[in-house]
Amino acid sequence: MVTFQVNDMTCGHCASTISRAIAGVDKAARLDIRIDQKLVRVSSTAPAAELAEAIRDAGYTSRELADAPVQAAAAPAKSGCGCGCGPAKAVPVDAAQAAAPAGRGCCG
């Protein structure tokens, strides 16, 4: 496994272009691309230098990193009562409306 920092990879199109470039070197390569972290991890039998050259030929600048674990993407913030259907605290819409009972979500 080799990890590349690709700082000029900014979107899904960039990731797709890099994927195709690496597939041109090794069709069986497995990729883990993290656009938000600007990381491309490649599991391949091809030499890292060939993979880096393919990324460069595709128009991107890559730097090989010491193989360190990739941080998991942050989980999206959950909202609601836990079921994802409303705000965490049931708040009355107006003064005449009662709040939902404590410990219960908006769906029951």
PDB file of N, CA and C in Angstrom:
ATOM      1  N   MET A   1       0.865  -1.171   0.000  1.00  0.00           N
ATOM      2  CA  MET A   1       0.000   0.000   0.000  1.00  0.00           C
ATOM      3  C   MET A   1       0.905   1.225   0.000  1.00  0.00           C
ATOM      4  N   VAL A   2       0.587   2.157  -0.876  1.00  0.00           N
ATOM      5  CA  VAL A   2       1.317   3.412  -0.937  1.00  0.00           C
ATOM      6  C   VAL A   2       0.305   4.553  -0.851  1.00  0.00           C
ATOM      7  N   THR A   3       0.678   5.614  -0.153  1.00  0.00           N
ATOM      8  CA  THR A   3      -0.209   6.764   0.025  1.00  0.00           C
ATOM      9  C   THR A   3       0.445   7.987  -0.593  1.00  0.00           C
ATOM     10  N   PHE A   4      -0.356   8.712  -1.377  1.00  0.00           N
ATOM     11  CA  PHE A   4       0.109   9.941  -1.998  1.00  0.00           C
ATOM     12  C   PHE A   4      -0.703  11.119  -1.490  1.00  0.00           C
ATOM     13  N   GLN A   5      -0.047  12.224  -1.224  1.00  0.00           N
ATOM     14  CA  GLN A   5      -0.701  13.499  -0.936  1.00  0.00           C
ATOM     15  C   GLN A   5      -0.835  14.184  -2.294  1.00  0.00           C
ATOM     16  N   VAL A   6      -2.070  14.519  -2.671  1.00  0.00           N
ATOM     17  CA  VAL A   6      -2.327  15.171  -3.952  1.00  0.00           C
ATOM     18  C   VAL A   6      -3.085  16.460  -3.651  1.00  0.00           C
ATOM     19  N   ASN A   7      -2.342  17.521  -3.357  1.00  0.00           N
ATOM     20  CA  ASN A   7      -2.954  18.769  -2.911  1.00  0.00           C
ATOM     21  C   ASN A   7      -3.792  19.465  -3.973  1.00  0.00           C
ATOM     22  N   ASP A   8      -3.549  19.174  -5.248  1.00  0.00           N
ATOM     23  CA  ASP A   8      -4.353  19.826  -6.283  1.00  0.00           C
ATOM     24  C   ASP A   8      -5.548  18.973  -6.709  1.00  0.00           C
ATOM     25  N   MET A   9      -5.875  17.926  -5.967  1.00  0.00           N
ATOM     26  CA  MET A   9      -7.094  17.145  -6.178  1.00  0.00           C
ATOM     27  C   MET A   9      -8.201  17.814  -5.372  1.00  0.00           C
ATOM     28  N   THR A  10      -9.182  18.375  -6.060  1.00  0.00           N
ATOM     29  CA  THR A  10     -10.193  19.173  -5.365  1.00  0.00           C
ATOM     30  C   THR A  10     -11.624  18.669  -5.502  1.00  0.00           C
ATOM     31  N   CYS A  11     -11.857  17.698  -6.393  1.00  0.00           N
ATOM     32  CA  CYS A  11     -13.251  17.309  -6.630  1.00  0.00           C
ATOM     33  C   CYS A  11     -13.338  15.870  -7.131  1.00  0.00           C
ATOM     34  N   GLY A  12     -14.537  15.426  -7.347  1.00  0.00           N
ATOM     35  CA  GLY A  12     -14.772  14.079  -7.853  1.00  0.00           C
ATOM     36  C   GLY A  12     -14.184  13.867  -9.242  1.00  0.00           C
ATOM     37  N   HIS A  13     -14.200  14.900 -10.061  1.00  0.00           N
ATOM     38  CA  HIS A  13     -13.607  14.784 -11.396  1.00  0.00           C
ATOM     39  C   HIS A  13     -12.111  14.513 -11.280  1.00  0.00           C
ATOM     40  N   CYS A  14     -11.444  15.221 -10.386  1.00  0.00           N
ATOM     41  CA  CYS A  14     -10.013  14.997 -10.152  1.00  0.00           C
ATOM     42  C   CYS A  14      -9.781  13.548  -9.714  1.00  0.00           C
ATOM     43  N   ALA A  15     -10.574  13.081  -8.773  1.00  0.00           N
ATOM     44  CA  ALA A  15     -10.432  11.720  -8.259  1.00  0.00           C
ATOM     45  C   ALA A  15     -10.641  10.699  -9.370  1.00  0.00           C
ATOM     46  N   SER A  16     -11.613  10.940 -10.227  1.00  0.00           N
ATOM     47  CA  SER A  16     -11.886  10.043 -11.344  1.00  0.00           C
ATOM     48  C   SER A  16     -10.715  10.016 -12.328  1.00  0.00           C
ATOM     49  N   THR A  17     -10.150  11.179 -12.601  1.00  0.00           N
ATOM     50  CA  THR A  17      -9.003  11.266 -13.507  1.00  0.00           C
ATOM     51  C   THR A  17      -7.814  10.503 -12.940  1.00  0.00           C
ATOM     52  N   ILE A  18      -7.566  10.660 -11.652  1.00  0.00           N
ATOM     53  CA  ILE A  18      -6.463   9.954 -10.999  1.00  0.00           C
ATOM     54  C   ILE A  18      -6.725   8.449 -11.000  1.00  0.00           C
ATOM     55  N   SER A  19      -7.961   8.053 -10.761  1.00  0.00           N
ATOM     56  CA  SER A  19      -8.315   6.621 -10.784  1.00  0.00           C
ATOM     57  C   SER A  19      -8.033   6.009 -12.147  1.00  0.00           C
ATOM     58  N   ARG A  20      -8.432   6.714 -13.200  1.00  0.00           N
ATOM     59  CA  ARG A  20      -8.185   6.204 -14.554  1.00  0.00           C
ATOM     60  C   ARG A  20      -6.689   6.131 -14.849  1.00  0.00           C
ATOM     61  N   ALA A  21      -5.944   7.123 -14.377  1.00  0.00           N
ATOM     62  CA  ALA A  21      -4.495   7.129 -14.606  1.00  0.00           C
ATOM     63  C   ALA A  21      -3.839   5.930 -13.930  1.00  0.00           C
ATOM     64  N   ILE A  22      -4.251   5.633 -12.710  1.00  0.00           N
ATOM     65  CA  ILE A  22      -3.674   4.494 -11.989  1.00  0.00           C
ATOM     66  C   ILE A  22      -4.106   3.177 -12.627  1.00  0.00           C
ATOM     67  N   ALA A  23      -5.345   3.115 -13.106  1.00  0.00           N
ATOM     68  CA  ALA A  23      -5.819   1.918 -13.793  1.00  0.00           C
ATOM     69  C   ALA A  23      -5.010   1.665 -15.059  1.00  0.00           C
ATOM     70  N   GLY A  24      -4.479   2.722 -15.665  1.00  0.00           N
ATOM     71  CA  GLY A  24      -3.632   2.568 -16.836  1.00  0.00           C
ATOM     72  C   GLY A  24      -2.314   1.875 -16.510  1.00  0.00           C
ATOM     73  N   VAL A  25      -1.900   1.956 -15.263  1.00  0.00           N
ATOM     74  CA  VAL A  25      -0.667   1.294 -14.814  1.00  0.00           C
ATOM     75  C   VAL A  25      -0.987  -0.103 -14.289  1.00  0.00           C
ATOM     76  N   ASP A  26      -2.080  -0.217 -13.522  1.00  0.00           N
ATOM     77  CA  ASP A  26      -2.469  -1.491 -12.915  1.00  0.00           C
ATOM     78  C   ASP A  26      -3.982  -1.541 -12.803  1.00  0.00           C
ATOM     79  N   LYS A  27      -4.613  -2.302 -13.711  1.00  0.00           N
ATOM     80  CA  LYS A  27      -6.082  -2.394 -13.720  1.00  0.00           C
ATOM     81  C   LYS A  27      -6.634  -3.040 -12.453  1.00  0.00           C
ATOM     82  N   ALA A  28      -5.824  -3.832 -11.774  1.00  0.00           N
ATOM     83  CA  ALA A  28      -6.272  -4.517 -10.558  1.00  0.00           C
ATOM     84  C   ALA A  28      -6.008  -3.703  -9.295  1.00  0.00           C
ATOM     85  N   ALA A  29      -5.458  -2.507  -9.431  1.00  0.00           N
ATOM     86  CA  ALA A  29      -5.150  -1.684  -8.257  1.00  0.00           C
ATOM     87  C   ALA A  29      -6.429  -1.346  -7.504  1.00  0.00           C
ATOM     88  N   ARG A  30      -6.321  -1.323  -6.179  1.00  0.00           N
ATOM     89  CA  ARG A  30      -7.437  -0.910  -5.320  1.00  0.00           C
ATOM     90  C   ARG A  30      -7.104   0.466  -4.780  1.00  0.00           C
ATOM     91  N   LEU A  31      -8.073   1.365  -4.828  1.00  0.00           N
ATOM     92  CA  LEU A  31      -7.841   2.739  -4.404  1.00  0.00           C
ATOM     93  C   LEU A  31      -8.757   3.136  -3.262  1.00  0.00           C
ATOM     94  N   ASP A  32      -8.232   3.979  -2.408  1.00  0.00           N
ATOM     95  CA  ASP A  32      -9.002   4.639  -1.361  1.00  0.00           C
ATOM     96  C   ASP A  32      -8.675   6.118  -1.518  1.00  0.00           C
ATOM     97  N   ILE A  33      -9.618   6.855  -2.087  1.00  0.00           N
ATOM     98  CA  ILE A  33      -9.386   8.273  -2.369  1.00  0.00           C
ATOM     99  C   ILE A  33     -10.189   9.108  -1.386  1.00  0.00           C
ATOM    100  N   ARG A  34      -9.509  10.004  -0.692  1.00  0.00           N
ATOM    101  CA  ARG A  34     -10.134  10.910   0.272  1.00  0.00           C
ATOM    102  C   ARG A  34      -9.936  12.335  -0.233  1.00  0.00           C
ATOM    103  N   ILE A  35     -10.920  12.843  -0.957  1.00  0.00           N
ATOM    104  CA  ILE A  35     -10.807  14.178  -1.548  1.00  0.00           C
ATOM    105  C   ILE A  35     -10.622  15.232  -0.469  1.00  0.00           C
ATOM    106  N   ASP A  36     -11.392  15.135   0.612  1.00  0.00           N
ATOM    107  CA  ASP A  36     -11.319  16.141   1.672  1.00  0.00           C
ATOM    108  C   ASP A  36      -9.949  16.168   2.350  1.00  0.00           C
ATOM    109  N   GLN A  37      -9.264  15.039   2.396  1.00  0.00           N
ATOM    110  CA  GLN A  37      -7.936  14.966   3.008  1.00  0.00           C
ATOM    111  C   GLN A  37      -6.834  15.054   1.960  1.00  0.00           C
ATOM    112  N   LYS A  38      -7.238  15.039   0.680  1.00  0.00           N
ATOM    113  CA  LYS A  38      -6.302  15.116  -0.453  1.00  0.00           C
ATOM    114  C   LYS A  38      -5.327  13.944  -0.458  1.00  0.00           C
ATOM    115  N   LEU A  39      -5.864  12.753  -0.138  1.00  0.00           N
ATOM    116  CA  LEU A  39      -5.059  11.545  -0.078  1.00  0.00           C
ATOM    117  C   LEU A  39      -5.532  10.510  -1.084  1.00  0.00           C
ATOM    118  N   VAL A  40      -4.573   9.817  -1.673  1.00  0.00           N
ATOM    119  CA  VAL A  40      -4.854   8.700  -2.569  1.00  0.00           C
ATOM    120  C   VAL A  40      -4.032   7.523  -2.064  1.00  0.00           C
ATOM    121  N   ARG A  41      -4.712   6.480  -1.598  1.00  0.00           N
ATOM    122  CA  ARG A  41      -4.030   5.261  -1.151  1.00  0.00           C
ATOM    123  C   ARG A  41      -4.229   4.218  -2.235  1.00  0.00           C
ATOM    124  N   VAL A  42      -3.145   3.567  -2.608  1.00  0.00           N
ATOM    125  CA  VAL A  42      -3.191   2.600  -3.693  1.00  0.00           C
ATOM    126  C   VAL A  42      -2.602   1.281  -3.223  1.00  0.00           C
ATOM    127  N   SER A  43      -3.362   0.232  -3.412  1.00  0.00           N
ATOM    128  CA  SER A  43      -2.869  -1.119  -3.170  1.00  0.00           C
ATOM    129  C   SER A  43      -2.629  -1.720  -4.547  1.00  0.00           C
ATOM    130  N   SER A  44      -1.344  -1.923  -4.887  1.00  0.00           N
ATOM    131  CA  SER A  44      -0.983  -2.337  -6.233  1.00  0.00           C
ATOM    132  C   SER A  44       0.339  -3.080  -6.204  1.00  0.00           C
ATOM    133  N   THR A  45       0.541  -3.887  -7.224  1.00  0.00           N
ATOM    134  CA  THR A  45       1.831  -4.549  -7.387  1.00  0.00           C
ATOM    135  C   THR A  45       2.801  -3.672  -8.174  1.00  0.00           C
ATOM    136  N   ALA A  46       2.297  -2.587  -8.754  1.00  0.00           N
ATOM    137  CA  ALA A  46       3.149  -1.671  -9.518  1.00  0.00           C
ATOM    138  C   ALA A  46       4.031  -0.868  -8.564  1.00  0.00           C
ATOM    139  N   PRO A  47       5.221  -0.512  -8.999  1.00  0.00           N
ATOM    140  CA  PRO A  47       6.108   0.310  -8.165  1.00  0.00           C
ATOM    141  C   PRO A  47       5.503   1.692  -7.905  1.00  0.00           C
ATOM    142  N   ALA A  48       5.762   2.225  -6.730  1.00  0.00           N
ATOM    143  CA  ALA A  48       5.237   3.537  -6.354  1.00  0.00           C
ATOM    144  C   ALA A  48       5.656   4.611  -7.353  1.00  0.00           C
ATOM    145  N   ALA A  49       6.857   4.503  -7.879  1.00  0.00           N
ATOM    146  CA  ALA A  49       7.339   5.501  -8.841  1.00  0.00           C
ATOM    147  C   ALA A  49       6.478   5.524 -10.099  1.00  0.00           C
ATOM    148  N   GLU A  50       6.028   4.355 -10.553  1.00  0.00           N
ATOM    149  CA  GLU A  50       5.155   4.299 -11.736  1.00  0.00           C
ATOM    150  C   GLU A  50       3.790   4.903 -11.431  1.00  0.00           C
ATOM    151  N   LEU A  51       3.276   4.636 -10.240  1.00  0.00           N
ATOM    152  CA  LEU A  51       1.979   5.198  -9.849  1.00  0.00           C
ATOM    153  C   LEU A  51       2.077   6.722  -9.759  1.00  0.00           C
ATOM    154  N   ALA A  52       3.164   7.207  -9.152  1.00  0.00           N
ATOM    155  CA  ALA A  52       3.364   8.658  -9.029  1.00  0.00           C
ATOM    156  C   ALA A  52       3.481   9.298 -10.414  1.00  0.00           C
ATOM    157  N   GLU A  53       4.162   8.621 -11.324  1.00  0.00           N
ATOM    158  CA  GLU A  53       4.311   9.147 -12.683  1.00  0.00           C
ATOM    159  C   GLU A  53       2.956   9.215 -13.386  1.00  0.00           C
ATOM    160  N   ALA A  54       2.118   8.210 -13.173  1.00  0.00           N
ATOM    161  CA  ALA A  54       0.782   8.210 -13.775  1.00  0.00           C
ATOM    162  C   ALA A  54      -0.048   9.376 -13.252  1.00  0.00           C
ATOM    163  N   ILE A  55       0.045   9.643 -11.959  1.00  0.00           N
ATOM    164  CA  ILE A  55      -0.674  10.779 -11.372  1.00  0.00           C
ATOM    165  C   ILE A  55      -0.145  12.084 -11.962  1.00  0.00           C
ATOM    166  N   ARG A  56       1.158  12.192 -12.086  1.00  0.00           N
ATOM    167  CA  ARG A  56       1.784  13.388 -12.653  1.00  0.00           C
ATOM    168  C   ARG A  56       1.375  13.566 -14.120  1.00  0.00           C
ATOM    169  N   ASP A  57       1.373  12.472 -14.895  1.00  0.00           N
ATOM    170  CA  ASP A  57       0.979  12.545 -16.304  1.00  0.00           C
ATOM    171  C   ASP A  57      -0.488  12.937 -16.469  1.00  0.00           C
ATOM    172  N   ALA A  58      -1.285  12.653 -15.453  1.00  0.00           N
ATOM    173  CA  ALA A  58      -2.700  13.042 -15.484  1.00  0.00           C
ATOM    174  C   ALA A  58      -2.882  14.519 -15.153  1.00  0.00           C
ATOM    175  N   GLY A  59      -1.802  15.186 -14.744  1.00  0.00           N
ATOM    176  CA  GLY A  59      -1.861  16.622 -14.496  1.00  0.00           C
ATOM    177  C   GLY A  59      -1.874  17.024 -13.032  1.00  0.00           C
ATOM    178  N   TYR A  60      -1.543  16.097 -12.149  1.00  0.00           N
ATOM    179  CA  TYR A  60      -1.588  16.378 -10.714  1.00  0.00           C
ATOM    180  C   TYR A  60      -0.211  16.225 -10.088  1.00  0.00           C
ATOM    181  N   THR A  61      -0.017  16.920  -8.999  1.00  0.00           N
ATOM    182  CA  THR A  61       1.233  16.857  -8.266  1.00  0.00           C
ATOM    183  C   THR A  61       1.035  15.939  -7.066  1.00  0.00           C
ATOM    184  N   SER A  62       1.862  14.913  -6.968  1.00  0.00           N
ATOM    185  CA  SER A  62       1.716  13.987  -5.847  1.00  0.00           C
ATOM    186  C   SER A  62       3.022  13.906  -5.071  1.00  0.00           C
ATOM    187  N   ARG A  63       2.859  13.595  -3.804  1.00  0.00           N
ATOM    188  CA  ARG A  63       4.006  13.391  -2.926  1.00  0.00           C
ATOM    189  C   ARG A  63       3.732  12.118  -2.144  1.00  0.00           C
ATOM    190  N   GLU A  64       4.654  11.169  -2.218  1.00  0.00           N
ATOM    191  CA  GLU A  64       4.478   9.917  -1.499  1.00  0.00           C
ATOM    192  C   GLU A  64       4.661  10.161  -0.011  1.00  0.00           C
ATOM    193  N   LEU A  65       3.752   9.618   0.773  1.00  0.00           N
ATOM    194  CA  LEU A  65       3.810   9.754   2.228  1.00  0.00           C
ATOM    195  C   LEU A  65       4.226   8.432   2.846  1.00  0.00           C
ATOM    196  N   ALA A  66       4.819   8.521   4.025  1.00  0.00           N
ATOM    197  CA  ALA A  66       5.058   7.309   4.798  1.00  0.00           C
ATOM    198  C   ALA A  66       3.699   6.704   5.063  1.00  0.00           C
ATOM    199  N   ASP A  67       3.577   5.420   4.890  1.00  0.00           N
ATOM    200  CA  ASP A  67       2.261   4.786   4.993  1.00  0.00           C
ATOM    201  C   ASP A  67       1.721   4.882   6.412  1.00  0.00           C
ATOM    202  N   ALA A  68       0.837   5.833   6.596  1.00  0.00           N
ATOM    203  CA  ALA A  68       0.204   6.053   7.894  1.00  0.00           C
ATOM    204  C   ALA A  68      -1.285   5.796   7.737  1.00  0.00           C
ATOM    205  N   PRO A  69      -1.955   5.463   8.800  1.00  0.00           N
ATOM    206  CA  PRO A  69      -3.393   5.227   8.696  1.00  0.00           C
ATOM    207  C   PRO A  69      -4.121   6.491   8.264  1.00  0.00           C
ATOM    208  N   VAL A  70      -5.106   6.315   7.408  1.00  0.00           N
ATOM    209  CA  VAL A  70      -5.925   7.424   6.948  1.00  0.00           C
ATOM    210  C   VAL A  70      -7.029   7.644   7.970  1.00  0.00           C
ATOM    211  N   GLN A  71      -7.244   8.899   8.336  1.00  0.00           N
ATOM    212  CA  GLN A  71      -8.294   9.203   9.302  1.00  0.00           C
ATOM    213  C   GLN A  71      -9.642   8.940   8.665  1.00  0.00           C
ATOM    214  N   ALA A  72     -10.525   8.376   9.445  1.00  0.00           N
ATOM    215  CA  ALA A  72     -11.875   8.157   8.958  1.00  0.00           C
ATOM    216  C   ALA A  72     -12.542   9.501   8.757  1.00  0.00           C
ATOM    217  N   ALA A  73     -13.384   9.568   7.747  1.00  0.00           N
ATOM    218  CA  ALA A  73     -14.123  10.799   7.515  1.00  0.00           C
ATOM    219  C   ALA A  73     -15.035  11.046   8.708  1.00  0.00           C
ATOM    220  N   ALA A  74     -15.162  12.285   9.069  1.00  0.00           N
ATOM    221  CA  ALA A  74     -16.008  12.633  10.210  1.00  0.00           C
ATOM    222  C   ALA A  74     -17.453  12.263   9.901  1.00  0.00           C
ATOM    223  N   ALA A  75     -18.100  11.653  10.859  1.00  0.00           N
ATOM    224  CA  ALA A  75     -19.499  11.290  10.689  1.00  0.00           C
ATOM    225  C   ALA A  75     -20.341  12.559  10.655  1.00  0.00           C
ATOM    226  N   PRO A  76     -21.354  12.573   9.809  1.00  0.00           N
ATOM    227  CA  PRO A  76     -22.194  13.763   9.781  1.00  0.00           C
ATOM    228  C   PRO A  76     -22.869  13.973  11.127  1.00  0.00           C
ATOM    229  N   ALA A  77     -23.030  15.209  11.485  1.00  0.00           N
ATOM    230  CA  ALA A  77     -23.656  15.531  12.762  1.00  0.00           C
ATOM    231  C   ALA A  77     -25.093  15.030  12.756  1.00  0.00           C
ATOM    232  N   LYS A  78     -25.451  14.339  13.803  1.00  0.00           N
ATOM    233  CA  LYS A  78     -26.817  13.839  13.899  1.00  0.00           C
ATOM    234  C   LYS A  78     -27.694  14.922  14.490  1.00  0.00           C
ATOM    235  N   SER A  79     -28.894  14.951  13.989  1.00  0.00           N
ATOM    236  CA  SER A  79     -29.842  15.886  14.562  1.00  0.00           C
ATOM    237  C   SER A  79     -31.048  15.097  15.024  1.00  0.00           C
ATOM    238  N   GLY A  80     -31.817  15.719  15.830  1.00  0.00           N
ATOM    239  CA  GLY A  80     -33.057  15.094  16.252  1.00  0.00           C
ATOM    240  C   GLY A  80     -32.921  14.252  17.495  1.00  0.00           C
ATOM    241  N   CYS A  81     -33.921  13.460  17.722  1.00  0.00           N
ATOM    242  CA  CYS A  81     -34.026  12.665  18.929  1.00  0.00           C
ATOM    243  C   CYS A  81     -33.217  11.391  18.845  1.00  0.00           C
ATOM    244  N   GLY A  82     -32.489  11.224  17.777  1.00  0.00           N
ATOM    245  CA  GLY A  82     -31.742  10.007  17.584  1.00  0.00           C
ATOM    246  C   GLY A  82     -32.256   9.246  16.378  1.00  0.00           C
ATOM    247  N   CYS A  83     -33.461   9.557  15.964  1.00  0.00           N
ATOM    248  CA  CYS A  83     -34.011   8.891  14.787  1.00  0.00           C
ATOM    249  C   CYS A  83     -33.778   9.734  13.542  1.00  0.00           C
ATOM    250  N   GLY A  84     -33.230  10.930  13.701  1.00  0.00           N
ATOM    251  CA  GLY A  84     -32.919  11.787  12.566  1.00  0.00           C
ATOM    252  C   GLY A  84     -34.091  12.599  12.049  1.00  0.00           C
ATOM    253  N   CYS A  85     -35.155  12.701  12.821  1.00  0.00           N
ATOM    254  CA  CYS A  85     -36.355  13.340  12.298  1.00  0.00           C
ATOM    255  C   CYS A  85     -36.633  14.741  12.841  1.00  0.00           C
ATOM    256  N   GLY A  86     -35.891  15.224  13.773  1.00  0.00           N
ATOM    257  CA  GLY A  86     -36.195  16.552  14.301  1.00  0.00           C
ATOM    258  C   GLY A  86     -35.099  17.077  15.188  1.00  0.00           C
ATOM    259  N   PRO A  87     -35.303  18.247  15.780  1.00  0.00           N
ATOM    260  CA  PRO A  87     -34.273  18.828  16.627  1.00  0.00           C
ATOM    261  C   PRO A  87     -34.044  17.998  17.889  1.00  0.00           C
ATOM    262  N   ALA A  88     -32.847  18.074  18.431  1.00  0.00           N
ATOM    263  CA  ALA A  88     -32.479  17.277  19.599  1.00  0.00           C
ATOM    264  C   ALA A  88     -33.366  17.585  20.798  1.00  0.00           C
ATOM    265  N   LYS A  89     -33.712  18.820  20.995  1.00  0.00           N
ATOM    266  CA  LYS A  89     -34.615  19.194  22.075  1.00  0.00           C
ATOM    267  C   LYS A  89     -35.918  19.639  21.444  1.00  0.00           C
ATOM    268  N   ALA A  90     -36.984  19.013  21.845  1.00  0.00           N
ATOM    269  CA  ALA A  90     -38.277  19.407  21.313  1.00  0.00           C
ATOM    270  C   ALA A  90     -38.635  20.763  21.892  1.00  0.00           C
ATOM    271  N   VAL A  91     -38.723  21.732  21.040  1.00  0.00           N
ATOM    272  CA  VAL A  91     -39.013  23.092  21.459  1.00  0.00           C
ATOM    273  C   VAL A  91     -40.367  23.472  20.886  1.00  0.00           C
ATOM    274  N   PRO A  92     -41.241  24.075  21.677  1.00  0.00           N
ATOM    275  CA  PRO A  92     -42.535  24.473  21.134  1.00  0.00           C
ATOM    276  C   PRO A  92     -42.359  25.501  20.028  1.00  0.00           C
ATOM    277  N   VAL A  93     -43.209  25.388  19.003  1.00  0.00           N
ATOM    278  CA  VAL A  93     -43.178  26.336  17.894  1.00  0.00           C
ATOM    279  C   VAL A  93     -43.691  27.684  18.369  1.00  0.00           C
ATOM    280  N   ASP A  94     -44.719  27.662  19.195  1.00  0.00           N
ATOM    281  CA  ASP A  94     -45.209  28.910  19.769  1.00  0.00           C
ATOM    282  C   ASP A  94     -45.530  28.690  21.243  1.00  0.00           C
ATOM    283  N   ALA A  95     -45.831  29.731  21.952  1.00  0.00           N
ATOM    284  CA  ALA A  95     -46.037  29.655  23.396  1.00  0.00           C
ATOM    285  C   ALA A  95     -47.219  28.771  23.772  1.00  0.00           C
ATOM    286  N   ALA A  96     -48.185  28.613  22.898  1.00  0.00           N
ATOM    287  CA  ALA A  96     -49.375  27.824  23.207  1.00  0.00           C
ATOM    288  C   ALA A  96     -49.145  26.329  23.007  1.00  0.00           C
ATOM    289  N   GLN A  97     -48.068  25.963  22.348  1.00  0.00           N
ATOM    290  CA  GLN A  97     -47.797  24.560  22.086  1.00  0.00           C
ATOM    291  C   GLN A  97     -46.931  23.972  23.172  1.00  0.00           C
ATOM    292  N   ALA A  98     -47.241  22.791  23.635  1.00  0.00           N
ATOM    293  CA  ALA A  98     -46.432  22.119  24.671  1.00  0.00           C
ATOM    294  C   ALA A  98     -45.249  21.432  24.024  1.00  0.00           C
ATOM    295  N   ALA A  99     -44.147  21.377  24.746  1.00  0.00           N
ATOM    296  CA  ALA A  99     -42.968  20.669  24.259  1.00  0.00           C
ATOM    297  C   ALA A  99     -43.212  19.177  24.355  1.00  0.00           C
ATOM    298  N   ALA A 100     -42.498  18.394  23.566  1.00  0.00           N
ATOM    299  CA  ALA A 100     -42.625  16.937  23.625  1.00  0.00           C
ATOM    300  C   ALA A 100     -42.122  16.447  24.973  1.00  0.00           C
ATOM    301  N   PRO A 101     -42.667  15.372  25.496  1.00  0.00           N
ATOM    302  CA  PRO A 101     -42.216  14.846  26.782  1.00  0.00           C
ATOM    303  C   PRO A 101     -40.718  14.496  26.725  1.00  0.00           C
ATOM    304  N   ALA A 102     -40.028  14.651  27.835  1.00  0.00           N
ATOM    305  CA  ALA A 102     -38.604  14.350  27.920  1.00  0.00           C
ATOM    306  C   ALA A 102     -38.369  12.870  27.600  1.00  0.00           C
ATOM    307  N   GLY A 103     -37.272  12.602  26.878  1.00  0.00           N
ATOM    308  CA  GLY A 103     -36.914  11.226  26.573  1.00  0.00           C
ATOM    309  C   GLY A 103     -37.639  10.654  25.375  1.00  0.00           C
ATOM    310  N   ARG A 104     -38.500  11.408  24.767  1.00  0.00           N
ATOM    311  CA  ARG A 104     -39.219  10.924  23.594  1.00  0.00           C
ATOM    312  C   ARG A 104     -38.901  11.809  22.416  1.00  0.00           C
ATOM    313  N   GLY A 105     -38.730  11.212  21.283  1.00  0.00           N
ATOM    314  CA  GLY A 105     -38.491  11.961  20.055  1.00  0.00           C
ATOM    315  C   GLY A 105     -39.784  12.376  19.419  1.00  0.00           C
ATOM    316  N   CYS A 106     -39.676  12.991  18.324  1.00  0.00           N
ATOM    317  CA  CYS A 106     -40.850  13.499  17.635  1.00  0.00           C
ATOM    318  C   CYS A 106     -41.645  12.380  16.966  1.00  0.00           C
ATOM    319  N   CYS A 107     -41.055  11.175  16.887  1.00  0.00           N
ATOM    320  CA  CYS A 107     -41.772  10.092  16.232  1.00  0.00           C
ATOM    321  C   CYS A 107     -42.292   9.058  17.227  1.00  0.00           C
ATOM    322  N   GLY A 108     -42.290   9.378  18.481  1.00  0.00           N
ATOM    323  CA  GLY A 108     -42.928   8.474  19.395  1.00  0.00           C
ATOM    324  C   GLY A 108     -42.065   8.072  20.495  1.00  0.00           C
TER     325      GLY A 108
END
